[in-house]
Amino acid sequence: MKKQTSSGEDRISLLPESVLCHILSFLTTEETVWTSVLSSRWRNLWKWVPTLDLNRFSFPNGKASADFTYKFLNFLSEFKLTTGNYVSLYEPCLRRVIKNKVQHLQVDNKLGLRNIKIPLTSSLCEALVSLKLHCVKLKGFKSLSLPCLKTMYLEDVIFPKLQVMIDSPRLEYLTLIDYEVESFNIKMSMSDSIKVDIDVDFEPENHMTYQKEILSIIFSILFQPLEI
C-alpha cells in the first residue's frame, strides 16, 4: 500500500485525507480495515470511507455488527450487505444504516427465506439514488416518495400491501423479479425515459392470473402517473 522514496519518505501518506479515502473506497471493507495497522496516519482513515460492504464479515452478535457499522455512519453514502446465514446478526446494523441518509442501499439475502425486514423510512427515501434488494420483506408503508432514485432492483421482495404507491420521477432503471406476482401491484410516476425489466416465473395452473397481473403492472408503470 505505501510507496516510499529512496530516502524512506512515505509519499502516499502525505496525500490529503479525502484522496486517501477515495483510494480506500476501491478496496473491500475488510482490506480497508487492514490499512489501519500501516501507521498512525492510517489508523482511523477506514472509518471515513463512504462505502461499507459487509460481505465477508462475521460478528459474534448483533451488537457487534451495529457497533462496527456505527463507526462509518458520519461519512457513509453506500451500504452493501450480502448474507446467507445468521440474518439476525445484521438486523441491528441495518436499522442504523436505514436511519442514516445513504444514497446507495443493497441487501442480498442468499438464504432465500425473505426473513430480513427493511423499513423504508422517509429520511432514507429522500436520499436514495440506488436501491437493490433480494429476498427481503419491506414493511411500514402504503406509499413511498423517492425523489432522487434512479435505479430500483427488486428480486423476490414482499411488499407490505397488495397495492403499493411509489412516486419516483427520476427513475431510469426498474427491474422486478418475483415468484409471487400477485403480492404486489406498483404504480409509479416516472421520467420520460426508463428501462423496465420484468421477469416472472409462471405456474401452469395460474397462468391466466399471472398474465393479468403482469399486464396490470406494465399498465401501471407506463400509463398511470401517480396523483397525490
Protein backbone atom coordinates (compact mmCIF):
# COMPACT_ATOMS: atom_id res chain seq x y z
CA MET A 1 0.00 0.00 0.00
CA LYS A 2 2.69 2.50 0.96
CA LYS A 3 5.21 3.72 -1.60
CA GLN A 4 8.44 5.18 -0.29
CA THR A 5 11.06 7.40 -1.89
CA SER A 6 14.75 6.49 -1.87
CA SER A 7 15.12 8.47 1.34
CA GLY A 8 12.43 6.38 3.01
CA GLU A 9 9.69 9.03 2.86
CA ASP A 10 6.13 7.66 2.58
CA ARG A 11 4.60 9.62 -0.30
CA ILE A 12 1.12 8.12 -0.20
CA SER A 13 0.63 9.01 3.45
CA LEU A 14 1.36 12.64 2.58
CA LEU A 15 -1.72 12.83 0.35
CA PRO A 16 -4.83 14.67 1.65
CA GLU A 17 -7.27 12.59 3.68
CA SER A 18 -10.00 12.99 1.06
CA VAL A 19 -7.72 11.48 -1.59
CA LEU A 20 -6.69 8.61 0.68
CA CYS A 21 -10.33 7.82 1.47
CA HIS A 22 -11.14 7.83 -2.23
CA ILE A 23 -8.34 5.32 -2.83
CA LEU A 24 -9.60 3.13 0.01
CA SER A 25 -13.12 3.12 -1.43
CA PHE A 26 -11.86 0.86 -4.23
CA LEU A 27 -10.85 -1.81 -1.70
CA THR A 28 -13.15 -4.20 0.11
CA THR A 29 -14.20 -3.08 3.57
CA GLU A 30 -12.09 -5.86 5.07
CA GLU A 31 -8.99 -4.66 3.19
CA THR A 32 -9.76 -1.09 4.19
CA VAL A 33 -9.77 -2.00 7.88
CA TRP A 34 -6.44 -3.78 7.47
CA THR A 35 -4.79 -0.50 6.44
CA SER A 36 -5.24 0.77 10.00
CA VAL A 37 -2.06 -1.09 11.02
CA LEU A 38 0.17 0.68 8.47
CA SER A 39 0.92 3.70 10.63
CA SER A 40 -0.71 6.24 12.91
CA ARG A 41 -1.63 8.26 9.80
CA TRP A 42 -3.82 5.39 8.60
CA ARG A 43 -5.22 4.28 11.95
CA ASN A 44 -8.65 5.88 11.60
CA LEU A 45 -8.91 6.56 7.86
CA TRP A 46 -11.00 3.43 7.28
CA LYS A 47 -13.82 4.96 9.34
CA TRP A 48 -14.10 7.85 6.86
CA VAL A 49 -14.56 5.73 3.74
CA PRO A 50 -18.07 6.33 2.30
CA THR A 51 -18.62 2.69 1.24
CA LEU A 52 -19.40 -0.17 3.63
CA ASP A 53 -19.63 -3.70 2.19
CA LEU A 54 -20.49 -6.38 4.75
CA ASN A 55 -19.85 -9.45 2.65
CA ARG A 56 -17.18 -11.48 4.40
CA PHE A 57 -17.52 -10.17 7.92
CA SER A 58 -18.75 -12.41 10.70
CA PHE A 59 -19.85 -10.90 14.01
CA PRO A 60 -20.28 -12.66 17.36
CA ASN A 61 -23.62 -10.91 17.95
CA GLY A 62 -25.94 -8.19 16.68
CA LYS A 63 -24.45 -5.52 18.95
CA ALA A 64 -21.01 -6.08 17.45
CA SER A 65 -22.34 -5.62 13.91
CA ALA A 66 -24.18 -2.44 14.91
CA ASP A 67 -21.14 -1.02 16.72
CA PHE A 68 -18.93 -1.71 13.71
CA THR A 69 -21.40 -0.02 11.35
CA TYR A 70 -21.77 2.97 13.67
CA LYS A 71 -18.12 3.88 13.06
CA PHE A 72 -18.90 4.52 9.38
CA LEU A 73 -22.15 6.47 9.68
CA ASN A 74 -20.80 10.03 9.60
CA PHE A 75 -19.43 9.61 6.09
CA LEU A 76 -21.42 6.64 4.77
CA SER A 77 -23.11 7.02 1.38
CA GLU A 78 -23.15 3.41 0.16
CA PHE A 79 -24.06 0.26 2.10
CA LYS A 80 -23.95 -3.33 0.82
CA LEU A 81 -24.92 -6.42 2.77
CA THR A 82 -24.59 -9.98 1.46
CA THR A 83 -25.56 -12.73 3.87
CA GLY A 84 -26.54 -16.37 3.73
CA ASN A 85 -26.93 -17.19 7.41
CA TYR A 86 -27.38 -15.68 10.85
CA VAL A 87 -29.52 -12.91 9.44
CA SER A 88 -30.42 -11.67 12.93
CA LEU A 89 -26.80 -10.59 13.47
CA TYR A 90 -27.14 -7.95 10.77
CA GLU A 91 -30.55 -6.52 11.63
CA PRO A 92 -29.17 -4.05 14.23
CA CYS A 93 -26.64 -2.62 11.77
CA LEU A 94 -29.33 -2.43 9.07
CA ARG A 95 -31.52 -0.38 11.40
CA ARG A 96 -28.65 2.05 11.97
CA VAL A 97 -27.96 2.40 8.27
CA ILE A 98 -31.63 2.93 7.42
CA LYS A 99 -31.81 5.83 9.89
CA ASN A 100 -28.92 7.40 8.00
CA LYS A 101 -29.31 9.09 4.60
CA VAL A 102 -27.31 6.70 2.45
CA GLN A 103 -27.54 7.14 -1.32
CA HIS A 104 -26.97 3.52 -2.32
CA LEU A 105 -28.51 0.58 -0.45
CA GLN A 106 -28.02 -3.04 -1.49
CA VAL A 107 -29.13 -6.09 0.50
CA ASP A 108 -28.66 -9.59 -0.92
CA ASN A 109 -30.15 -12.34 1.25
CA LYS A 110 -28.87 -15.62 -0.15
CA LEU A 111 -30.64 -17.68 2.50
CA GLY A 112 -33.85 -17.45 0.46
CA LEU A 113 -36.32 -17.14 3.35
CA ARG A 114 -37.18 -13.45 3.00
CA ASN A 115 -36.61 -13.11 6.74
CA ILE A 116 -34.85 -9.74 6.56
CA LYS A 117 -37.31 -6.92 7.28
CA ILE A 118 -36.47 -3.49 5.91
CA PRO A 119 -38.46 -0.39 6.86
CA LEU A 120 -38.01 2.28 4.19
CA THR A 121 -38.03 5.43 6.30
CA SER A 122 -38.77 8.86 4.87
CA SER A 123 -35.24 10.10 5.65
CA LEU A 124 -33.72 7.16 3.76
CA CYS A 125 -36.07 7.54 0.79
CA GLU A 126 -35.24 11.22 0.41
CA ALA A 127 -31.59 10.44 -0.33
CA LEU A 128 -31.69 7.09 -2.15
CA VAL A 129 -30.23 7.06 -5.66
CA SER A 130 -29.94 3.28 -6.00
CA LEU A 131 -31.99 0.57 -4.26
CA LYS A 132 -31.18 -3.11 -4.85
CA LEU A 133 -32.92 -5.73 -2.72
CA HIS A 134 -33.01 -9.52 -2.93
CA CYS A 135 -35.18 -11.81 -0.82
CA VAL A 136 -36.31 -9.30 1.81
CA LYS A 137 -39.58 -8.10 3.28
CA LEU A 138 -40.46 -4.43 3.15
CA LYS A 139 -42.64 -3.02 5.89
CA GLY A 140 -44.20 0.09 7.29
CA PHE A 141 -45.60 1.99 4.30
CA LYS A 142 -48.52 2.28 1.89
CA SER A 143 -46.87 4.85 -0.35
CA LEU A 144 -43.30 5.98 -0.98
CA SER A 145 -41.72 9.11 -2.36
CA LEU A 146 -38.26 8.51 -3.84
CA PRO A 147 -37.36 11.85 -5.45
CA CYS A 148 -33.71 11.03 -6.24
CA LEU A 149 -33.97 7.33 -7.08
CA LYS A 150 -32.55 6.32 -10.47
CA THR A 151 -32.13 2.55 -10.13
CA MET A 152 -34.53 0.10 -8.48
CA TYR A 153 -33.83 -3.66 -8.49
CA LEU A 154 -36.28 -5.81 -6.54
CA GLU A 155 -35.96 -9.59 -6.62
CA ASP A 156 -38.23 -11.86 -4.59
CA VAL A 157 -39.36 -8.97 -2.41
CA ILE A 158 -42.52 -8.96 -0.30
CA PHE A 159 -44.39 -5.65 -0.09
CA PRO A 160 -46.42 -4.65 3.00
CA LYS A 161 -49.61 -4.16 0.94
CA LEU A 162 -51.09 -5.72 -2.19
CA GLN A 163 -51.07 -2.32 -3.85
CA VAL A 164 -48.13 -0.01 -3.25
CA MET A 165 -47.91 3.58 -4.50
CA ILE A 166 -44.39 4.67 -5.40
CA ASP A 167 -43.56 8.15 -6.68
CA SER A 168 -40.15 8.09 -8.38
CA PRO A 169 -39.92 10.80 -11.06
CA ARG A 170 -36.20 10.32 -11.80
CA LEU A 171 -36.23 6.55 -12.14
CA GLU A 172 -34.21 5.31 -15.12
CA TYR A 173 -33.87 1.55 -14.48
CA LEU A 174 -36.51 -0.69 -12.96
CA THR A 175 -36.11 -4.45 -12.52
CA LEU A 176 -38.80 -6.60 -10.93
CA ILE A 177 -38.13 -10.30 -10.35
CA ASP A 178 -40.64 -12.04 -8.15
CA TYR A 179 -42.03 -15.57 -7.86
CA GLU A 180 -45.30 -14.32 -6.39
CA VAL A 181 -46.50 -11.69 -8.81
CA GLU A 182 -49.83 -11.32 -7.08
CA SER A 183 -48.08 -9.99 -3.97
CA PHE A 184 -47.55 -6.53 -5.41
CA ASN A 185 -49.00 -4.03 -7.82
CA ILE A 186 -46.85 -0.96 -8.36
CA LYS A 187 -47.97 2.41 -9.64
CA MET A 188 -45.23 4.90 -10.43
CA SER A 189 -44.82 8.37 -11.78
CA MET A 190 -41.60 8.41 -13.76
CA SER A 191 -39.37 10.26 -16.15
CA ASP A 192 -40.00 10.00 -19.88
CA SER A 193 -37.04 7.68 -20.42
CA ILE A 194 -36.94 4.46 -18.41
CA LYS A 195 -35.74 0.90 -18.92
CA VAL A 196 -38.10 -1.71 -17.45
CA ASP A 197 -37.26 -5.39 -16.96
CA ILE A 198 -39.92 -7.71 -15.54
CA ASP A 199 -39.00 -11.36 -15.04
CA VAL A 200 -41.61 -13.70 -13.57
CA ASP A 201 -41.89 -17.45 -13.11
CA PHE A 202 -45.29 -18.69 -14.29
CA GLU A 203 -47.18 -21.50 -12.57
CA PRO A 204 -49.13 -23.52 -15.20
CA GLU A 205 -52.34 -23.64 -13.14
CA ASN A 206 -52.26 -19.88 -12.55
CA HIS A 207 -51.06 -18.82 -15.98
CA MET A 208 -54.04 -16.56 -16.76
CA THR A 209 -53.95 -14.96 -13.31
CA TYR A 210 -50.26 -14.13 -13.67
CA GLN A 211 -50.85 -12.77 -17.18
CA LYS A 212 -53.39 -10.32 -15.81
CA GLU A 213 -51.04 -9.25 -13.03
CA ILE A 214 -48.20 -8.62 -15.47
CA LEU A 215 -50.47 -6.53 -17.68
CA SER A 216 -51.63 -4.62 -14.61
CA ILE A 217 -48.06 -3.87 -13.55
CA ILE A 218 -46.98 -2.78 -17.04
CA PHE A 219 -50.09 -0.64 -17.42
CA SER A 220 -49.47 0.99 -14.04
CA ILE A 221 -45.86 1.73 -14.94
CA LEU A 222 -46.45 3.13 -18.40
CA PHE A 223 -49.83 4.81 -18.28
CA GLN A 224 -50.84 5.78 -14.77
CA PRO A 225 -48.92 8.73 -13.28
CA LEU A 226 -49.27 8.94 -9.56
CA GLU A 227 -51.72 11.51 -8.24
CA ILE A 228 -51.03 12.91 -4.81
